[in-house]
C-alpha atoms as a PDB file:
ATOM      1  CA  UNK A   1      -0.036   0.203   0.029  1.00  0.00           C
ATOM      2  CA  UNK A   2       1.460   3.505  -1.071  1.00  0.00           C
ATOM      3  CA  UNK A   3       1.081   5.384   2.028  1.00  0.00           C
ATOM      4  CA  UNK A   4       3.091   8.053   3.944  1.00  0.00           C
ATOM      5  CA  UNK A   5       4.007   6.233   6.965  1.00  0.00           C
ATOM      6  CA  UNK A   6       7.201   6.855   7.274  1.00  0.00           C
ATOM      7  CA  UNK A   7       6.906  10.651   7.518  1.00  0.00           C
ATOM      8  CA  UNK A   8       5.696   9.307  11.168  1.00  0.00           C
ATOM      9  CA  UNK A   9       9.116   9.382  12.142  1.00  0.00           C
ATOM     10  CA  UNK A  10      10.470  13.001  11.054  1.00  0.00           C
ATOM     11  CA  UNK A  11       6.514  14.390  12.039  1.00  0.00           C
ATOM     12  CA  UNK A  12       7.406  12.865  15.837  1.00  0.00           C
ATOM     13  CA  UNK A  13      11.053  13.526  16.003  1.00  0.00           C
ATOM     14  CA  UNK A  14      10.510  17.163  15.180  1.00  0.00           C
ATOM     15  CA  UNK A  15       8.412  18.771  17.212  1.00  0.00           C
ATOM     16  CA  UNK A  16     -17.436  18.283   4.528  1.00  0.00           C
ATOM     17  CA  UNK A  17     -17.424  17.962   1.394  1.00  0.00           C
ATOM     18  CA  UNK A  18     -19.102  21.379  -0.489  1.00  0.00           C
ATOM     19  CA  UNK A  19     -22.051  24.160   0.307  1.00  0.00           C
ATOM     20  CA  UNK A  20     -23.895  24.305  -2.257  1.00  0.00           C
ATOM     21  CA  UNK A  21     -23.528  27.566  -3.360  1.00  0.00           C
ATOM     22  CA  UNK A  22     -21.151  29.655  -5.690  1.00  0.00           C
ATOM     23  CA  UNK A  23     -18.080  29.263  -5.343  1.00  0.00           C
ATOM     24  CA  UNK A  24     -15.388  30.321  -8.328  1.00  0.00           C
ATOM     25  CA  UNK A  25     -16.604  34.081  -7.734  1.00  0.00           C
ATOM     26  CA  UNK A  26     -16.388  34.058  -3.989  1.00  0.00           C
ATOM     27  CA  UNK A  27     -12.704  32.771  -4.065  1.00  0.00           C
ATOM     28  CA  UNK A  28     -10.933  34.399  -7.482  1.00  0.00           C
ATOM     29  CA  UNK A  29     -12.331  37.717  -5.518  1.00  0.00           C
ATOM     30  CA  UNK A  30      -9.750  37.098  -2.449  1.00  0.00           C
ATOM     31  CA  UNK A  31      -6.256  37.231  -5.200  1.00  0.00           C
ATOM     32  CA  UNK A  32      -4.380  39.993  -5.710  1.00  0.00           C
ATOM     33  CA  UNK A  33      -3.863  38.863  -9.207  1.00  0.00           C
ATOM     34  CA  UNK A  34      -7.310  37.772 -11.161  1.00  0.00           C
ATOM     35  CA  UNK A  35      -6.074  33.315 -11.791  1.00  0.00           C
ATOM     36  CA  UNK A  36      -7.209  31.271 -14.513  1.00  0.00           C
ATOM     37  CA  UNK A  37      -7.645  27.520 -14.310  1.00  0.00           C
ATOM     38  CA  UNK A  38     -10.326  25.584 -16.438  1.00  0.00           C
ATOM     39  CA  UNK A  39     -10.559  22.619 -14.275  1.00  0.00           C
ATOM     40  CA  UNK A  40     -10.818  25.286 -11.223  1.00  0.00           C
ATOM     41  CA  UNK A  41     -13.669  22.759  -9.724  1.00  0.00           C
ATOM     42  CA  UNK A  42     -12.000  20.035 -10.147  1.00  0.00           C
ATOM     43  CA  UNK A  43      -8.545  21.318  -8.526  1.00  0.00           C
ATOM     44  CA  UNK A  44     -10.453  22.625  -5.755  1.00  0.00           C
ATOM     45  CA  UNK A  45     -12.160  19.349  -4.709  1.00  0.00           C
ATOM     46  CA  UNK A  46      -9.215  17.904  -4.934  1.00  0.00           C
ATOM     47  CA  UNK A  47      -6.932  20.243  -2.698  1.00  0.00           C
ATOM     48  CA  UNK A  48      -9.863  20.069  -0.403  1.00  0.00           C
ATOM     49  CA  UNK A  49      -9.666  16.233   0.226  1.00  0.00           C
ATOM     50  CA  UNK A  50      -6.113  16.842   0.366  1.00  0.00           C
ATOM     51  CA  UNK A  51      -6.320  19.431   3.420  1.00  0.00           C
ATOM     52  CA  UNK A  52      -9.453  18.373   5.222  1.00  0.00           C
ATOM     53  CA  UNK A  53      -7.494  15.285   6.572  1.00  0.00           C
ATOM     54  CA  UNK A  54      -3.904  17.644   7.247  1.00  0.00           C
ATOM     55  CA  UNK A  55      -4.611  20.648   8.052  1.00  0.00           C
ATOM     56  CA  UNK A  56      -5.547  19.424  11.327  1.00  0.00           C
ATOM     57  CA  UNK A  57      -2.206  17.862  12.165  1.00  0.00           C
ATOM     58  CA  UNK A  58       0.099  20.979  10.596  1.00  0.00           C
ATOM     59  CA  UNK A  59      -2.138  23.046  13.245  1.00  0.00           C
ATOM     60  CA  UNK A  60      -1.608  20.497  15.983  1.00  0.00           C
ATOM     61  CA  UNK A  61       2.090  20.308  15.260  1.00  0.00           C
ATOM     62  CA  UNK A  62       1.998  24.278  15.514  1.00  0.00           C
ATOM     63  CA  UNK A  63       0.526  24.283  18.681  1.00  0.00           C
ATOM     64  CA  UNK A  64       2.829  21.697  20.202  1.00  0.00           C
ATOM     65  CA  UNK A  65       5.913  23.524  18.521  1.00  0.00           C
ATOM     66  CA  UNK A  66       4.503  26.624  20.544  1.00  0.00           C
ATOM     67  CA  UNK A  67       3.921  24.598  23.697  1.00  0.00           C
ATOM     68  CA  UNK A  68       7.414  23.489  23.663  1.00  0.00           C
ATOM     69  CA  UNK A  69       8.978  26.389  22.920  1.00  0.00           C
ATOM     70  CA  UNK A  70       7.704  28.372  26.303  1.00  0.00           C
ATOM     71  CA  UNK A  71       9.037  25.311  27.971  1.00  0.00           C
ATOM     72  CA  UNK A  72      12.351  24.885  26.782  1.00  0.00           C
ATOM     73  CA  UNK A  73      12.378  28.856  27.243  1.00  0.00           C
ATOM     74  CA  UNK A  74      11.235  28.588  31.208  1.00  0.00           C
ATOM     75  CA  UNK A  75      13.826  25.851  31.770  1.00  0.00           C
ATOM     76  CA  UNK A  76      17.304  26.068  31.970  1.00  0.00           C
ATOM     77  CA  UNK A  77      18.433  23.129  32.495  1.00  0.00           C
ATOM     78  CA  UNK A  78      19.416  21.226  29.394  1.00  0.00           C
ATOM     79  CA  UNK A  79      18.838  17.486  31.163  1.00  0.00           C
ATOM     80  CA  UNK A  80      15.556  18.748  32.013  1.00  0.00           C
ATOM     81  CA  UNK A  81      15.254  20.322  28.472  1.00  0.00           C
ATOM     82  CA  UNK A  82      15.812  17.126  27.266  1.00  0.00           C
ATOM     83  CA  UNK A  83      13.231  15.049  29.375  1.00  0.00           C
ATOM     84  CA  UNK A  84      10.239  17.836  27.916  1.00  0.00           C
ATOM     85  CA  UNK A  85      10.965  16.994  23.976  1.00  0.00           C
ATOM     86  CA  UNK A  86      11.166  13.156  25.457  1.00  0.00           C
ATOM     87  CA  UNK A  87       7.609  13.294  27.021  1.00  0.00           C
ATOM     88  CA  UNK A  88       6.374  15.540  24.268  1.00  0.00           C
ATOM     89  CA  UNK A  89       7.812  13.116  21.606  1.00  0.00           C
ATOM     90  CA  UNK A  90       5.897  10.150  23.509  1.00  0.00           C
ATOM     91  CA  UNK A  91       2.025  11.839  23.325  1.00  0.00           C
ATOM     92  CA  UNK A  92       2.930  12.680  20.232  1.00  0.00           C
ATOM     93  CA  UNK A  93       3.274   8.993  19.491  1.00  0.00           C
ATOM     94  CA  UNK A  94       0.899   8.214  20.886  1.00  0.00           C
ATOM     95  CA  UNK A  95      -1.380  10.219  20.159  1.00  0.00           C
ATOM     96  CA  UNK A  96      -0.981  10.646  16.182  1.00  0.00           C
ATOM     97  CA  UNK A  97       1.020   7.418  15.139  1.00  0.00           C
ATOM     98  CA  UNK A  98      -1.286   5.371  13.532  1.00  0.00           C
ATOM     99  CA  UNK A  99      -3.396   8.640  11.715  1.00  0.00           C
ATOM    100  CA  UNK A 100      -0.189   9.805   9.963  1.00  0.00           C
ATOM    101  CA  UNK A 101       0.477   6.344   8.981  1.00  0.00           C
ATOM    102  CA  UNK A 102      -2.436   6.345   7.392  1.00  0.00           C
ATOM    103  CA  UNK A 103      -2.111   9.317   5.728  1.00  0.00           C
ATOM    104  CA  UNK A 104      -1.472   8.650   1.435  1.00  0.00           C
ATOM    105  CA  UNK A 105       1.361   9.974  -0.121  1.00  0.00           C
ATOM    106  CA  UNK A 106      -0.627  13.297  -1.306  1.00  0.00           C
ATOM    107  CA  UNK A 107      -1.252  13.623   1.914  1.00  0.00           C
ATOM    108  CA  UNK A 108       1.314  13.338   3.323  1.00  0.00           C
ATOM    109  CA  UNK A 109       3.250  15.809   1.151  1.00  0.00           C
ATOM    110  CA  UNK A 110       0.236  18.680   1.472  1.00  0.00           C
ATOM    111  CA  UNK A 111       0.664  18.107   5.311  1.00  0.00           C
ATOM    112  CA  UNK A 112       4.629  18.883   4.730  1.00  0.00           C
ATOM    113  CA  UNK A 113       3.909  21.693   3.106  1.00  0.00           C
ATOM    114  CA  UNK A 114       0.595  22.953   5.899  1.00  0.00           C
ATOM    115  CA  UNK A 115       3.211  22.415   8.564  1.00  0.00           C
ATOM    116  CA  UNK A 116       5.739  25.275   6.967  1.00  0.00           C
ATOM    117  CA  UNK A 117       2.606  27.487   6.568  1.00  0.00           C
ATOM    118  CA  UNK A 118       1.504  26.771   9.849  1.00  0.00           C
ATOM    119  CA  UNK A 119       4.931  27.565  11.425  1.00  0.00           C
ATOM    120  CA  UNK A 120       7.186  29.206   9.717  1.00  0.00           C
ATOM    121  CA  UNK A 121       9.558  26.714   9.176  1.00  0.00           C
ATOM    122  CA  UNK A 122      10.034  23.612   6.970  1.00  0.00           C
ATOM    123  CA  UNK A 123      10.603  19.878   8.625  1.00  0.00           C
ATOM    124  CA  UNK A 124      14.043  20.463   7.966  1.00  0.00           C
ATOM    125  CA  UNK A 125      14.182  23.589   9.675  1.00  0.00           C
ATOM    126  CA  UNK A 126      12.353  21.976  12.780  1.00  0.00           C
ATOM    127  CA  UNK A 127      14.411  19.356  12.953  1.00  0.00           C
ATOM    128  CA  UNK A 128      17.466  21.163  12.527  1.00  0.00           C
ATOM    129  CA  UNK A 129      16.233  23.232  15.744  1.00  0.00           C
ATOM    130  CA  UNK A 130      15.390  20.594  17.722  1.00  0.00           C
ATOM    131  CA  UNK A 131      17.737  18.022  16.848  1.00  0.00           C
ATOM    132  CA  UNK A 132      20.767  19.669  15.193  1.00  0.00           C
ATOM    133  CA  UNK A 133      21.658  20.234  11.154  1.00  0.00           C
ATOM    134  CA  UNK A 134      23.648  17.153  11.066  1.00  0.00           C
ATOM    135  CA  UNK A 135      19.913  15.015  11.763  1.00  0.00           C
ATOM    136  CA  UNK A 136      18.277  17.157   9.466  1.00  0.00           C
ATOM    137  CA  UNK A 137      20.232  17.017   6.795  1.00  0.00           C
ATOM    138  CA  UNK A 138      20.435  13.408   7.171  1.00  0.00           C
ATOM    139  CA  UNK A 139      16.413  12.686   7.573  1.00  0.00           C
ATOM    140  CA  UNK A 140      16.470  15.287   4.527  1.00  0.00           C
ATOM    141  CA  UNK A 141      18.104  13.429   2.800  1.00  0.00           C
ATOM    142  CA  UNK A 142      16.517  10.146   3.613  1.00  0.00           C
ATOM    143  CA  UNK A 143      13.283  11.594   2.298  1.00  0.00           C
ATOM    144  CA  UNK A 144      14.398  12.338  -1.099  1.00  0.00           C
ATOM    145  CA  UNK A 145      15.477   8.688  -2.024  1.00  0.00           C
ATOM    146  CA  UNK A 146      11.463   8.137  -1.938  1.00  0.00           C
ATOM    147  CA  UNK A 147      10.635  11.725  -3.803  1.00  0.00           C
ATOM    148  CA  UNK A 148       9.650  13.629  -1.112  1.00  0.00           C
ATOM    149  CA  UNK A 149      11.004  17.046   0.410  1.00  0.00           C
ATOM    150  CA  UNK A 150      11.405  17.708   4.338  1.00  0.00           C
ATOM    151  CA  UNK A 151      12.446  21.174   2.822  1.00  0.00           C
ATOM    152  CA  UNK A 152       9.021  22.128   1.002  1.00  0.00           C
ATOM    153  CA  UNK A 153       7.583  24.877   1.502  1.00  0.00           C
ATOM    154  CA  UNK A 154       3.992  25.955   1.171  1.00  0.00           C
ATOM    155  CA  UNK A 155       3.596  28.732  -2.364  1.00  0.00           C
ATOM    156  CA  UNK A 156       0.590  30.686  -1.438  1.00  0.00           C
ATOM    157  CA  UNK A 157       0.728  33.021  -4.661  1.00  0.00           C
ATOM    158  CA  UNK A 158       2.749  30.592  -6.565  1.00  0.00           C
ATOM    159  CA  UNK A 159       1.536  26.122  -7.022  1.00  0.00           C
ATOM    160  CA  UNK A 160      -0.237  26.195  -3.946  1.00  0.00           C
ATOM    161  CA  UNK A 161      -2.626  29.043  -4.914  1.00  0.00           C
ATOM    162  CA  UNK A 162      -5.897  27.087  -4.921  1.00  0.00           C
ATOM    163  CA  UNK A 163      -4.736  25.608  -2.105  1.00  0.00           C
ATOM    164  CA  UNK A 164      -4.203  28.488  -0.325  1.00  0.00           C
ATOM    165  CA  UNK A 165      -8.441  29.689  -1.294  1.00  0.00           C
ATOM    166  CA  UNK A 166      -9.200  26.082   0.153  1.00  0.00           C
ATOM    167  CA  UNK A 167      -7.601  27.119   3.838  1.00  0.00           C
ATOM    168  CA  UNK A 168      -9.338  30.351   3.636  1.00  0.00           C
ATOM    169  CA  UNK A 169     -12.240  29.429   3.105  1.00  0.00           C
ATOM    170  CA  UNK A 170     -11.589  26.768   6.106  1.00  0.00           C
ATOM    171  CA  UNK A 171     -10.380  29.472   8.131  1.00  0.00           C
ATOM    172  CA  UNK A 172     -13.421  31.953   7.390  1.00  0.00           C
ATOM    173  CA  UNK A 173     -16.042  29.271   7.893  1.00  0.00           C
ATOM    174  CA  UNK A 174     -17.119  29.388   4.325  1.00  0.00           C
ATOM    175  CA  UNK A 175     -16.087  25.823   4.297  1.00  0.00           C
ATOM    176  CA  UNK A 176     -16.426  23.181   7.546  1.00  0.00           C
ATOM    177  CA  UNK A 177     -14.169  20.209   8.589  1.00  0.00           C
ATOM    178  CA  UNK A 178     -13.373  18.644  11.393  1.00  0.00           C
ATOM    179  CA  UNK A 179     -10.747  19.823  13.147  1.00  0.00           C
ATOM    180  CA  UNK A 180     -10.753  17.345  16.134  1.00  0.00           C
ATOM    181  CA  UNK A 181      -8.223  14.971  16.045  1.00  0.00           C
ATOM    182  CA  UNK A 182      -9.306  11.702  16.363  1.00  0.00           C
ATOM    183  CA  UNK A 183      -7.142   9.110  17.554  1.00  0.00           C
ATOM    184  CA  UNK A 184      -6.612   5.759  15.502  1.00  0.00           C
ATOM    185  CA  UNK A 185      -5.706   2.444  17.282  1.00  0.00           C
ATOM    186  CA  UNK A 186      -3.673   0.072  15.739  1.00  0.00           C
ATOM    187  CA  UNK A 187      -6.364  -2.343  14.660  1.00  0.00           C
ATOM    188  CA  UNK A 188      -8.358   0.113  13.215  1.00  0.00           C
ATOM    189  CA  UNK A 189      -5.203   1.117  11.026  1.00  0.00           C
ATOM    190  CA  UNK A 190      -4.664  -2.367  10.419  1.00  0.00           C
ATOM    191  CA  UNK A 191      -8.271  -2.625   9.266  1.00  0.00           C
ATOM    192  CA  UNK A 192      -7.639   0.375   6.890  1.00  0.00           C
ATOM    193  CA  UNK A 193      -4.617  -1.035   5.202  1.00  0.00           C
ATOM    194  CA  UNK A 194      -6.421  -4.639   4.886  1.00  0.00           C
ATOM    195  CA  UNK A 195      -9.155  -2.809   2.944  1.00  0.00           C
ATOM    196  CA  UNK A 196      -7.145  -0.563   0.840  1.00  0.00           C
ATOM    197  CA  UNK A 197      -5.259  -3.306  -0.435  1.00  0.00           C
ATOM    198  CA  UNK A 198      -8.561  -6.423  -0.918  1.00  0.00           C
ATOM    199  CA  UNK A 199      -9.802  -2.466  -3.326  1.00  0.00           C
ATOM    200  CA  UNK A 200      -6.339  -1.824  -4.776  1.00  0.00           C
ATOM    201  CA  UNK A 201      -6.435  -5.940  -5.886  1.00  0.00           C
ATOM    202  CA  UNK A 202     -10.232  -5.218  -7.177  1.00  0.00           C
ATOM    203  CA  UNK A 203      -8.894  -2.382  -9.575  1.00  0.00           C
ATOM    204  CA  UNK A 204      -6.073  -4.352 -10.468  1.00  0.00           C
ATOM    205  CA  UNK A 205      -8.257  -7.049 -11.244  1.00  0.00           C
ATOM    206  CA  UNK A 206     -10.559  -4.947 -13.060  1.00  0.00           C
ATOM    207  CA  UNK A 207      -7.801  -3.025 -15.126  1.00  0.00           C
ATOM    208  CA  UNK A 208      -6.810  -6.786 -16.280  1.00  0.00           C
ATOM    209  CA  UNK A 209     -10.119  -7.664 -17.209  1.00  0.00           C
ATOM    210  CA  UNK A 210     -10.634  -4.873 -19.341  1.00  0.00           C
ATOM    211  CA  UNK A 211      -7.223  -5.215 -21.030  1.00  0.00           C
ATOM    212  CA  UNK A 212      -7.857  -8.942 -22.281  1.00  0.00           C
ATOM    213  CA  UNK A 213     -11.741  -8.226 -23.035  1.00  0.00           C
ATOM    214  CA  UNK A 214      -9.434  -5.284 -25.287  1.00  0.00           C
ATOM    215  CA  UNK A 215      -7.271  -7.437 -27.351  1.00  0.00           C
ATOM    216  CA  UNK A 216      -9.788 -10.160 -27.638  1.00  0.00           C
ATOM    217  CA  UNK A 217     -12.349  -7.156 -29.355  1.00  0.00           C
ATOM    218  CA  UNK A 218      -9.095  -6.477 -31.826  1.00  0.00           C
ATOM    219  CA  UNK A 219      -9.046 -10.258 -33.241  1.00  0.00           C
END
């Protein structure tokens, strides 16, 4: 299953559908310059589907980082600081481990960008701040082997302009998503994984049948 489970390790260490109203005019009015996308509604829906699961996690990451910064700033002893960071990591593991493992690849990439949008730091920068530059570069190099960039940034004025409109709609209340982070157990994650694998097998079977029938039709 092509999931983005390995994002969990970097994330832990660093620390509903559309309303029926017309949305295109509403959103384009918010742009500083008029942009044109002939498939805007489709791309908006795609971005919405990526964001509705990942935005609450990015907001949670910001809360954790802000809280960690306050605790570390109030502590002078390095030993105590390490203990605080360790406790935070454990809390994050217990709350988010299987939720993050359950993300699809596209959702994981969006989470990288949303963390940058919410915190002002890339995942690489967060790792460097709390674990050191060498560790951050090691993680960055490892992720690059899978085609993912821990130094990716959210570009509201460029490639991510539609995603920014989705986020503006969510933040203004025009679109509603569940911001509560409901934990996922290991058994629930395994069940989701099993269902997804069964679904993928059925899709591949239909694709093979389609190709066979298509070849027969040419004879």
